[in-house]
Amino acid sequence: MPDLPKYESLCVLCGAIIWKSLIDKIIGRNRKARFKYHIESSFEAGIVLCGSEVKSLRSGHVSFEDAHAVIRNGEIFLRSLHIAGYDKARGGGHDPIAERKLLLKRNEIKKLEHKVLTKGVTLVPTMVYFKRGWAKVEIAIATGKRKYDKRQVIMERDQKRELDRFNKMRKRWTGK
């Protein structure tokens, strides 16, 4: 039986798998989201963009600082995702931090709305990428970490780094 290719992420809500082979180019990842939030599940959504935004994304100009998604009137909008202006655009291009509509099925939006109603739960973008030529964003259902949780993560990371450093030195001394 042939080995199946490894997948990039798994959508818990709809069961869809984002395969590595289908992702053309990863534009940006929100690395701070894993530090600031407990990620419960993630899923893929299309994003409505104008031409200069697509050109800017293709050149890799995206920032996730304070980006989040909100549900309003049965639609999901992405706020504060900064897509830098495209210098060759006509008429000034686009607004870098405009709200952008996300494309999801109605039943997925209702499931998300139900989950977000609980206190402390938010929708955070974790990755922007192109899949088969279409711009996609990976959105995660997340709860905020407390300060002591963040300290615990930093402490574990430092301990792992010290252990790796010790093992490297031990290999040097023993020759194994």
N, C-alpha and C. Protein backbone atom coordinates (compact mmCIF):
# COMPACT_ATOMS: atom_id res chain seq x y z
N MET A 1 0.85 -1.18 0.00
CA MET A 1 0.00 0.00 0.00
C MET A 1 0.89 1.24 0.00
N PRO A 2 0.70 2.16 -0.95
CA PRO A 2 1.57 3.34 -1.02
C PRO A 2 1.32 4.30 0.14
N ASP A 3 2.38 5.00 0.53
CA ASP A 3 2.25 6.00 1.59
C ASP A 3 1.50 7.21 1.07
N LEU A 4 0.55 7.69 1.85
CA LEU A 4 -0.18 8.89 1.48
C LEU A 4 0.66 10.11 1.82
N PRO A 5 0.55 11.17 1.02
CA PRO A 5 1.31 12.38 1.36
C PRO A 5 0.82 13.00 2.65
N LYS A 6 1.72 13.61 3.39
CA LYS A 6 1.36 14.25 4.65
C LYS A 6 0.55 15.51 4.37
N TYR A 7 -0.43 15.81 5.23
CA TYR A 7 -1.25 16.99 5.03
C TYR A 7 -0.75 18.14 5.89
N GLU A 8 -1.03 19.35 5.43
CA GLU A 8 -0.60 20.56 6.11
C GLU A 8 -1.44 20.81 7.36
N SER A 9 -2.76 20.72 7.24
CA SER A 9 -3.63 20.88 8.38
C SER A 9 -4.96 20.19 8.10
N LEU A 10 -5.72 19.96 9.14
CA LEU A 10 -6.99 19.25 9.04
C LEU A 10 -8.09 20.14 9.60
N CYS A 11 -9.15 20.32 8.83
CA CYS A 11 -10.28 21.12 9.27
C CYS A 11 -11.19 20.25 10.13
N VAL A 12 -11.36 20.60 11.39
CA VAL A 12 -12.15 19.81 12.32
C VAL A 12 -13.65 19.97 12.02
N LEU A 13 -14.06 21.16 11.59
CA LEU A 13 -15.49 21.41 11.37
C LEU A 13 -16.04 20.64 10.18
N CYS A 14 -15.34 20.72 9.04
CA CYS A 14 -15.89 20.09 7.84
C CYS A 14 -15.11 18.84 7.43
N GLY A 15 -13.99 18.54 8.08
CA GLY A 15 -13.23 17.33 7.78
C GLY A 15 -12.34 17.45 6.55
N ALA A 16 -12.23 18.66 5.99
CA ALA A 16 -11.41 18.85 4.79
C ALA A 16 -9.93 18.80 5.16
N ILE A 17 -9.14 18.31 4.26
CA ILE A 17 -7.70 18.22 4.46
C ILE A 17 -7.03 19.15 3.48
N ILE A 18 -6.12 19.97 3.98
CA ILE A 18 -5.35 20.86 3.12
C ILE A 18 -4.05 20.14 2.80
N TRP A 19 -3.91 19.64 1.58
CA TRP A 19 -2.74 18.88 1.19
C TRP A 19 -1.61 19.82 0.81
N LYS A 20 -0.39 19.40 1.11
CA LYS A 20 0.77 20.21 0.77
C LYS A 20 0.89 20.40 -0.73
N SER A 21 0.54 19.38 -1.50
CA SER A 21 0.69 19.46 -2.94
C SER A 21 -0.28 20.46 -3.57
N LEU A 22 -1.39 20.76 -2.90
CA LEU A 22 -2.37 21.68 -3.45
C LEU A 22 -2.03 23.14 -3.14
N ILE A 23 -1.23 23.36 -2.11
CA ILE A 23 -0.86 24.72 -1.73
C ILE A 23 0.27 25.18 -2.64
N ASP A 24 -0.02 26.20 -3.45
CA ASP A 24 0.98 26.71 -4.38
C ASP A 24 2.08 27.45 -3.65
N LYS A 25 1.69 28.43 -2.82
CA LYS A 25 2.67 29.27 -2.15
C LYS A 25 2.09 29.78 -0.84
N ILE A 26 2.83 29.58 0.24
CA ILE A 26 2.42 30.12 1.53
C ILE A 26 2.95 31.55 1.61
N ILE A 27 2.03 32.49 1.78
CA ILE A 27 2.38 33.91 1.79
C ILE A 27 2.90 34.32 3.16
N GLY A 28 2.20 33.94 4.21
CA GLY A 28 2.61 34.31 5.56
C GLY A 28 1.94 33.46 6.61
N ARG A 29 2.62 33.32 7.74
CA ARG A 29 2.08 32.58 8.88
C ARG A 29 2.03 33.50 10.08
N ASN A 30 1.01 33.33 10.90
CA ASN A 30 0.85 34.09 12.12
C ASN A 30 1.47 33.27 13.25
N ARG A 31 2.77 33.45 13.45
CA ARG A 31 3.48 32.65 14.45
C ARG A 31 3.11 33.06 15.87
N LYS A 32 2.74 34.31 16.06
CA LYS A 32 2.37 34.76 17.40
C LYS A 32 1.04 34.19 17.86
N ALA A 33 0.21 33.75 16.94
CA ALA A 33 -1.10 33.19 17.32
C ALA A 33 -0.92 31.95 18.18
N ARG A 34 0.06 31.12 17.87
CA ARG A 34 0.29 29.91 18.67
C ARG A 34 0.80 30.26 20.07
N PHE A 35 1.46 31.41 20.19
CA PHE A 35 1.96 31.84 21.50
C PHE A 35 0.87 32.52 22.32
N LYS A 36 0.04 33.33 21.69
CA LYS A 36 -0.98 34.10 22.40
C LYS A 36 -2.25 33.32 22.68
N TYR A 37 -2.55 32.29 21.87
CA TYR A 37 -3.83 31.59 21.96
C TYR A 37 -3.66 30.08 22.04
N HIS A 38 -4.65 29.43 22.66
CA HIS A 38 -4.80 27.98 22.56
C HIS A 38 -5.63 27.74 21.30
N ILE A 39 -5.06 27.09 20.30
CA ILE A 39 -5.76 26.83 19.04
C ILE A 39 -6.58 25.56 19.19
N GLU A 40 -7.90 25.67 19.05
CA GLU A 40 -8.78 24.51 19.16
C GLU A 40 -8.90 23.78 17.83
N SER A 41 -9.24 24.52 16.78
CA SER A 41 -9.37 23.92 15.46
C SER A 41 -9.14 25.00 14.41
N SER A 42 -8.82 24.57 13.21
CA SER A 42 -8.60 25.54 12.14
C SER A 42 -9.31 25.07 10.88
N PHE A 43 -9.60 26.01 9.99
CA PHE A 43 -10.30 25.69 8.76
C PHE A 43 -9.91 26.68 7.69
N GLU A 44 -10.25 26.34 6.46
CA GLU A 44 -9.86 27.13 5.29
C GLU A 44 -11.03 27.96 4.80
N ALA A 45 -10.73 29.21 4.40
CA ALA A 45 -11.76 30.08 3.85
C ALA A 45 -11.17 30.85 2.68
N GLY A 46 -12.00 31.13 1.69
CA GLY A 46 -11.59 32.01 0.61
C GLY A 46 -11.65 33.44 1.09
N ILE A 47 -10.99 34.33 0.38
CA ILE A 47 -10.96 35.73 0.78
C ILE A 47 -11.24 36.60 -0.44
N VAL A 48 -12.09 37.61 -0.27
CA VAL A 48 -12.44 38.51 -1.36
C VAL A 48 -11.39 39.62 -1.42
N LEU A 49 -10.71 39.74 -2.57
CA LEU A 49 -9.63 40.72 -2.74
C LEU A 49 -9.81 41.46 -4.05
N CYS A 50 -9.25 42.65 -4.13
CA CYS A 50 -9.19 43.36 -5.41
C CYS A 50 -7.84 43.05 -6.07
N GLY A 51 -7.64 43.50 -7.29
CA GLY A 51 -6.46 43.15 -8.07
C GLY A 51 -5.15 43.55 -7.44
N SER A 52 -5.07 44.78 -6.89
CA SER A 52 -3.81 45.23 -6.31
C SER A 52 -3.49 44.46 -5.03
N GLU A 53 -4.52 43.99 -4.31
CA GLU A 53 -4.29 43.18 -3.11
C GLU A 53 -3.69 41.82 -3.48
N VAL A 54 -4.18 41.24 -4.56
CA VAL A 54 -3.65 39.95 -5.02
C VAL A 54 -2.19 40.10 -5.44
N LYS A 55 -1.89 41.16 -6.19
CA LYS A 55 -0.52 41.41 -6.62
C LYS A 55 0.41 41.60 -5.42
N SER A 56 -0.07 42.34 -4.43
CA SER A 56 0.73 42.58 -3.23
C SER A 56 0.95 41.28 -2.45
N LEU A 57 -0.10 40.44 -2.36
CA LEU A 57 0.04 39.15 -1.68
C LEU A 57 1.04 38.25 -2.40
N ARG A 58 0.99 38.23 -3.72
CA ARG A 58 1.91 37.39 -4.48
C ARG A 58 3.37 37.78 -4.23
N SER A 59 3.60 39.06 -3.92
CA SER A 59 4.96 39.48 -3.60
C SER A 59 5.27 39.32 -2.11
N GLY A 60 4.31 38.81 -1.32
CA GLY A 60 4.56 38.44 0.08
C GLY A 60 4.40 39.54 1.10
N HIS A 61 3.66 40.59 0.79
CA HIS A 61 3.51 41.72 1.71
C HIS A 61 2.23 41.59 2.53
N VAL A 62 2.31 40.88 3.67
CA VAL A 62 1.16 40.70 4.55
C VAL A 62 1.65 40.73 6.00
N SER A 63 0.84 41.30 6.88
CA SER A 63 1.16 41.36 8.31
C SER A 63 -0.08 40.99 9.10
N PHE A 64 0.10 40.15 10.13
CA PHE A 64 -1.02 39.64 10.92
C PHE A 64 -1.24 40.39 12.23
N GLU A 65 -0.55 41.49 12.45
CA GLU A 65 -0.63 42.20 13.73
C GLU A 65 -2.07 42.57 14.07
N ASP A 66 -2.57 42.05 15.18
CA ASP A 66 -3.93 42.31 15.70
C ASP A 66 -5.04 41.88 14.74
N ALA A 67 -4.78 40.98 13.81
CA ALA A 67 -5.81 40.53 12.88
C ALA A 67 -6.76 39.54 13.56
N HIS A 68 -8.04 39.66 13.25
CA HIS A 68 -9.05 38.77 13.78
C HIS A 68 -10.26 38.78 12.85
N ALA A 69 -11.14 37.82 13.03
CA ALA A 69 -12.35 37.74 12.21
C ALA A 69 -13.57 37.99 13.07
N VAL A 70 -14.58 38.63 12.47
CA VAL A 70 -15.84 38.89 13.16
C VAL A 70 -16.99 38.38 12.30
N ILE A 71 -18.05 37.96 12.97
CA ILE A 71 -19.25 37.48 12.27
C ILE A 71 -20.32 38.55 12.42
N ARG A 72 -20.83 39.01 11.27
CA ARG A 72 -21.83 40.08 11.26
C ARG A 72 -22.85 39.79 10.17
N ASN A 73 -24.12 39.72 10.55
CA ASN A 73 -25.23 39.49 9.62
C ASN A 73 -25.05 38.22 8.79
N GLY A 74 -24.57 37.16 9.42
CA GLY A 74 -24.40 35.89 8.73
C GLY A 74 -23.22 35.85 7.78
N GLU A 75 -22.31 36.80 7.88
CA GLU A 75 -21.11 36.83 7.04
C GLU A 75 -19.89 37.00 7.95
N ILE A 76 -18.75 36.51 7.48
CA ILE A 76 -17.51 36.64 8.25
C ILE A 76 -16.61 37.65 7.56
N PHE A 77 -16.05 38.57 8.36
CA PHE A 77 -15.13 39.58 7.85
C PHE A 77 -13.82 39.49 8.61
N LEU A 78 -12.75 39.70 7.89
CA LEU A 78 -11.40 39.69 8.47
C LEU A 78 -10.98 41.13 8.70
N ARG A 79 -10.64 41.45 9.93
CA ARG A 79 -10.25 42.82 10.30
C ARG A 79 -8.76 42.88 10.60
N SER A 80 -8.17 44.02 10.29
CA SER A 80 -6.79 44.38 10.65
C SER A 80 -5.73 43.50 10.01
N LEU A 81 -6.05 42.77 8.97
CA LEU A 81 -5.02 42.05 8.22
C LEU A 81 -4.40 43.07 7.27
N HIS A 82 -3.14 43.40 7.48
CA HIS A 82 -2.49 44.46 6.72
C HIS A 82 -1.86 43.87 5.46
N ILE A 83 -2.41 44.23 4.31
CA ILE A 83 -1.83 43.88 3.01
C ILE A 83 -1.27 45.17 2.44
N ALA A 84 0.04 45.24 2.32
CA ALA A 84 0.71 46.47 1.90
C ALA A 84 0.25 46.88 0.51
N GLY A 85 0.33 48.18 0.24
CA GLY A 85 -0.07 48.70 -1.06
C GLY A 85 0.85 48.22 -2.17
N TYR A 86 0.27 48.09 -3.36
CA TYR A 86 1.03 47.68 -4.54
C TYR A 86 1.44 48.94 -5.27
N ASP A 87 2.73 49.17 -5.42
CA ASP A 87 3.21 50.45 -5.93
C ASP A 87 2.87 50.71 -7.40
N LYS A 88 2.58 49.68 -8.17
CA LYS A 88 2.26 49.87 -9.59
C LYS A 88 0.75 49.92 -9.86
N ALA A 89 -0.06 50.00 -8.79
CA ALA A 89 -1.52 49.99 -8.95
C ALA A 89 -2.02 51.36 -9.41
N ARG A 90 -3.07 51.33 -10.20
CA ARG A 90 -3.70 52.57 -10.67
C ARG A 90 -4.61 53.14 -9.59
N GLY A 91 -4.75 54.43 -9.60
CA GLY A 91 -5.72 55.09 -8.71
C GLY A 91 -5.42 54.93 -7.24
N GLY A 92 -4.18 54.72 -6.86
CA GLY A 92 -3.85 54.61 -5.45
C GLY A 92 -3.95 53.21 -4.88
N GLY A 93 -4.51 52.26 -5.61
CA GLY A 93 -4.57 50.88 -5.14
C GLY A 93 -5.69 50.63 -4.16
N HIS A 94 -5.38 50.04 -3.01
CA HIS A 94 -6.39 49.62 -2.04
C HIS A 94 -6.04 50.15 -0.65
N ASP A 95 -7.01 50.04 0.26
CA ASP A 95 -6.79 50.39 1.66
C ASP A 95 -6.09 49.21 2.33
N PRO A 96 -4.90 49.42 2.91
CA PRO A 96 -4.13 48.29 3.46
C PRO A 96 -4.81 47.53 4.59
N ILE A 97 -5.62 48.19 5.42
CA ILE A 97 -6.22 47.48 6.55
C ILE A 97 -7.75 47.42 6.46
N ALA A 98 -8.27 47.41 5.26
CA ALA A 98 -9.73 47.34 5.07
C ALA A 98 -10.27 45.99 5.54
N GLU A 99 -11.55 45.95 5.92
CA GLU A 99 -12.20 44.68 6.23
C GLU A 99 -12.34 43.87 4.95
N ARG A 100 -12.05 42.60 5.05
CA ARG A 100 -12.14 41.72 3.88
C ARG A 100 -13.11 40.58 4.18
N LYS A 101 -14.01 40.33 3.24
CA LYS A 101 -15.02 39.29 3.42
C LYS A 101 -14.39 37.92 3.20
N LEU A 102 -14.76 36.97 4.06
CA LEU A 102 -14.31 35.60 3.91
C LEU A 102 -15.43 34.76 3.32
N LEU A 103 -15.06 33.81 2.49
CA LEU A 103 -16.03 32.99 1.78
C LEU A 103 -16.13 31.62 2.43
N LEU A 104 -17.26 31.37 3.05
CA LEU A 104 -17.54 30.09 3.69
C LEU A 104 -18.98 29.70 3.40
N LYS A 105 -19.29 28.41 3.59
CA LYS A 105 -20.66 27.96 3.42
C LYS A 105 -21.49 28.40 4.61
N ARG A 106 -22.78 28.56 4.39
CA ARG A 106 -23.68 29.08 5.42
C ARG A 106 -23.68 28.21 6.67
N ASN A 107 -23.68 26.87 6.49
CA ASN A 107 -23.71 26.00 7.67
C ASN A 107 -22.39 26.08 8.46
N GLU A 108 -21.26 26.32 7.78
CA GLU A 108 -19.99 26.49 8.48
C GLU A 108 -20.01 27.78 9.30
N ILE A 109 -20.58 28.83 8.73
CA ILE A 109 -20.66 30.11 9.44
C ILE A 109 -21.53 29.98 10.68
N LYS A 110 -22.63 29.23 10.59
CA LYS A 110 -23.50 29.03 11.74
C LYS A 110 -22.79 28.25 12.84
N LYS A 111 -22.02 27.22 12.46
CA LYS A 111 -21.25 26.47 13.45
C LYS A 111 -20.23 27.37 14.15
N LEU A 112 -19.56 28.20 13.36
CA LEU A 112 -18.57 29.11 13.93
C LEU A 112 -19.23 30.13 14.84
N GLU A 113 -20.35 30.66 14.42
CA GLU A 113 -21.06 31.65 15.22
C GLU A 113 -21.46 31.06 16.57
N HIS A 114 -21.88 29.80 16.55
CA HIS A 114 -22.26 29.12 17.79
C HIS A 114 -21.05 28.98 18.71
N LYS A 115 -19.89 28.64 18.16
CA LYS A 115 -18.68 28.46 18.97
C LYS A 115 -18.14 29.79 19.49
N VAL A 116 -18.23 30.84 18.70
CA VAL A 116 -17.66 32.14 19.08
C VAL A 116 -18.50 32.84 20.14
N LEU A 117 -19.76 32.45 20.29
CA LEU A 117 -20.62 33.09 21.28
C LEU A 117 -20.14 32.85 22.71
N THR A 118 -19.40 31.77 22.96
CA THR A 118 -18.88 31.52 24.30
C THR A 118 -17.81 32.55 24.63
N LYS A 119 -17.70 32.88 25.89
CA LYS A 119 -16.80 33.95 26.33
C LYS A 119 -15.33 33.55 26.13
N GLY A 120 -14.56 34.47 25.61
CA GLY A 120 -13.12 34.26 25.46
C GLY A 120 -12.70 33.55 24.20
N VAL A 121 -13.64 33.22 23.32
CA VAL A 121 -13.31 32.52 22.07
C VAL A 121 -13.30 33.52 20.93
N THR A 122 -12.29 33.44 20.08
CA THR A 122 -12.17 34.34 18.95
C THR A 122 -11.71 33.60 17.71
N LEU A 123 -11.84 34.24 16.57
CA LEU A 123 -11.38 33.69 15.30
C LEU A 123 -10.11 34.44 14.89
N VAL A 124 -9.02 33.71 14.71
CA VAL A 124 -7.72 34.31 14.43
C VAL A 124 -7.17 33.72 13.13
N PRO A 125 -6.69 34.57 12.20
CA PRO A 125 -6.05 34.02 11.00
C PRO A 125 -4.66 33.48 11.34
N THR A 126 -4.36 32.28 10.87
CA THR A 126 -3.06 31.68 11.17
C THR A 126 -2.15 31.61 9.95
N MET A 127 -2.75 31.64 8.75
CA MET A 127 -1.92 31.50 7.55
C MET A 127 -2.68 32.06 6.35
N VAL A 128 -1.95 32.69 5.44
CA VAL A 128 -2.48 33.14 4.15
C VAL A 128 -1.66 32.45 3.07
N TYR A 129 -2.34 31.87 2.08
CA TYR A 129 -1.64 31.13 1.04
C TYR A 129 -2.46 31.12 -0.24
N PHE A 130 -1.83 30.68 -1.32
CA PHE A 130 -2.51 30.49 -2.58
C PHE A 130 -2.68 29.00 -2.81
N LYS A 131 -3.89 28.61 -3.17
CA LYS A 131 -4.20 27.21 -3.44
C LYS A 131 -4.87 27.15 -4.81
N ARG A 132 -4.22 26.51 -5.76
CA ARG A 132 -4.70 26.43 -7.14
C ARG A 132 -4.96 27.82 -7.72
N GLY A 133 -4.17 28.79 -7.33
CA GLY A 133 -4.28 30.14 -7.84
C GLY A 133 -5.24 31.05 -7.09
N TRP A 134 -5.98 30.50 -6.11
CA TRP A 134 -6.94 31.30 -5.35
C TRP A 134 -6.35 31.64 -3.99
N ALA A 135 -6.56 32.88 -3.55
CA ALA A 135 -6.07 33.30 -2.23
C ALA A 135 -6.96 32.68 -1.15
N LYS A 136 -6.34 32.06 -0.18
CA LYS A 136 -7.05 31.41 0.93
C LYS A 136 -6.45 31.89 2.24
N VAL A 137 -7.25 31.82 3.29
CA VAL A 137 -6.77 32.14 4.63
C VAL A 137 -7.20 31.00 5.56
N GLU A 138 -6.29 30.59 6.43
CA GLU A 138 -6.62 29.57 7.43
C GLU A 138 -7.01 30.30 8.71
N ILE A 139 -8.22 30.05 9.17
CA ILE A 139 -8.77 30.69 10.36
C ILE A 139 -8.82 29.66 11.48
N ALA A 140 -8.45 30.06 12.69
CA ALA A 140 -8.46 29.15 13.83
C ALA A 140 -9.43 29.66 14.90
N ILE A 141 -10.12 28.72 15.52
CA ILE A 141 -10.94 29.02 16.69
C ILE A 141 -9.99 28.96 17.88
N ALA A 142 -9.86 30.08 18.60
CA ALA A 142 -8.84 30.17 19.63
C ALA A 142 -9.37 30.80 20.90
N THR A 143 -8.76 30.40 22.03
CA THR A 143 -9.03 31.04 23.31
C THR A 143 -7.72 31.65 23.79
N GLY A 144 -7.79 32.80 24.42
CA GLY A 144 -6.59 33.50 24.86
C GLY A 144 -5.88 32.78 25.98
N LYS A 145 -4.55 32.81 25.95
CA LYS A 145 -3.75 32.22 27.01
C LYS A 145 -3.58 33.23 28.13
N ARG A 146 -3.47 32.71 29.33
CA ARG A 146 -3.17 33.55 30.48
C ARG A 146 -1.67 33.81 30.52
N LYS A 147 -1.28 34.75 31.35
CA LYS A 147 0.14 35.11 31.43
C LYS A 147 0.99 33.93 31.90
N TYR A 148 0.46 33.15 32.87
CA TYR A 148 1.23 32.01 33.37
C TYR A 148 1.36 30.91 32.32
N ASP A 149 0.37 30.79 31.42
CA ASP A 149 0.49 29.83 30.32
C ASP A 149 1.63 30.21 29.39
N LYS A 150 1.73 31.51 29.10
CA LYS A 150 2.80 31.98 28.24
C LYS A 150 4.16 31.76 28.89
N ARG A 151 4.23 32.00 30.21
CA ARG A 151 5.49 31.75 30.94
C ARG A 151 5.86 30.28 30.88
N GLN A 152 4.87 29.41 30.99
CA GLN A 152 5.10 27.97 30.94
C GLN A 152 5.67 27.58 29.58
N VAL A 153 5.13 28.14 28.50
CA VAL A 153 5.63 27.84 27.16
C VAL A 153 7.07 28.31 27.01
N ILE A 154 7.38 29.50 27.52
CA ILE A 154 8.75 30.01 27.44
C ILE A 154 9.69 29.13 28.25
N MET A 155 9.26 28.71 29.43
CA MET A 155 10.10 27.86 30.28
C MET A 155 10.37 26.51 29.60
N GLU A 156 9.34 25.89 29.01
CA GLU A 156 9.53 24.61 28.32
C GLU A 156 10.47 24.76 27.13
N ARG A 157 10.32 25.86 26.38
CA ARG A 157 11.19 26.10 25.24
C ARG A 157 12.64 26.27 25.68
N ASP A 158 12.88 27.00 26.79
CA ASP A 158 14.23 27.18 27.30
C ASP A 158 14.82 25.86 27.79
N GLN A 159 14.00 25.05 28.46
CA GLN A 159 14.48 23.74 28.93
C GLN A 159 14.85 22.84 27.77
N LYS A 160 14.07 22.84 26.72
CA LYS A 160 14.36 22.03 25.54
C LYS A 160 15.66 22.50 24.89
N ARG A 161 15.84 23.82 24.80
CA ARG A 161 17.05 24.37 24.21
C ARG A 161 18.28 23.97 25.04
N GLU A 162 18.18 24.04 26.39
CA GLU A 162 19.29 23.64 27.26
C GLU A 162 19.60 22.16 27.10
N LEU A 163 18.57 21.33 27.01
CA LEU A 163 18.77 19.89 26.84
C LEU A 163 19.44 19.59 25.51
N ASP A 164 19.01 20.24 24.45
CA ASP A 164 19.65 20.06 23.14
C ASP A 164 21.10 20.50 23.17
N ARG A 165 21.37 21.61 23.84
CA ARG A 165 22.74 22.11 23.96
C ARG A 165 23.61 21.12 24.74
N PHE A 166 23.05 20.57 25.84
CA PHE A 166 23.79 19.59 26.63
C PHE A 166 24.08 18.33 25.82
N ASN A 167 23.08 17.84 25.08
CA ASN A 167 23.28 16.63 24.27
C ASN A 167 24.32 16.86 23.18
N LYS A 168 24.34 18.03 22.60
CA LYS A 168 25.32 18.35 21.58
C LYS A 168 26.73 18.35 22.17
N MET A 169 26.89 18.95 23.36
CA MET A 169 28.20 18.97 24.02
C MET A 169 28.62 17.56 24.43
N ARG A 170 27.66 16.74 24.90
CA ARG A 170 27.98 15.37 25.31
C ARG A 170 28.47 14.55 24.11
N LYS A 171 27.85 14.74 22.95
CA LYS A 171 28.28 14.03 21.74
C LYS A 171 29.70 14.44 21.36
N ARG A 172 30.00 15.73 21.55
CA ARG A 172 31.34 16.22 21.23
C ARG A 172 32.38 15.59 22.14
N TRP A 173 32.06 15.48 23.46
CA TRP A 173 33.02 14.96 24.42
C TRP A 173 33.21 13.46 24.29
N THR A 174 32.09 12.73 24.08
CA THR A 174 32.19 11.26 24.06
C THR A 174 32.46 10.73 22.65
N GLY A 175 32.19 11.50 21.64
CA GLY A 175 32.41 11.04 20.28
C GLY A 175 31.30 10.15 19.77
N LYS A 176 30.17 10.09 20.47
CA LYS A 176 29.05 9.23 20.04
C LYS A 176 27.96 10.05 19.45
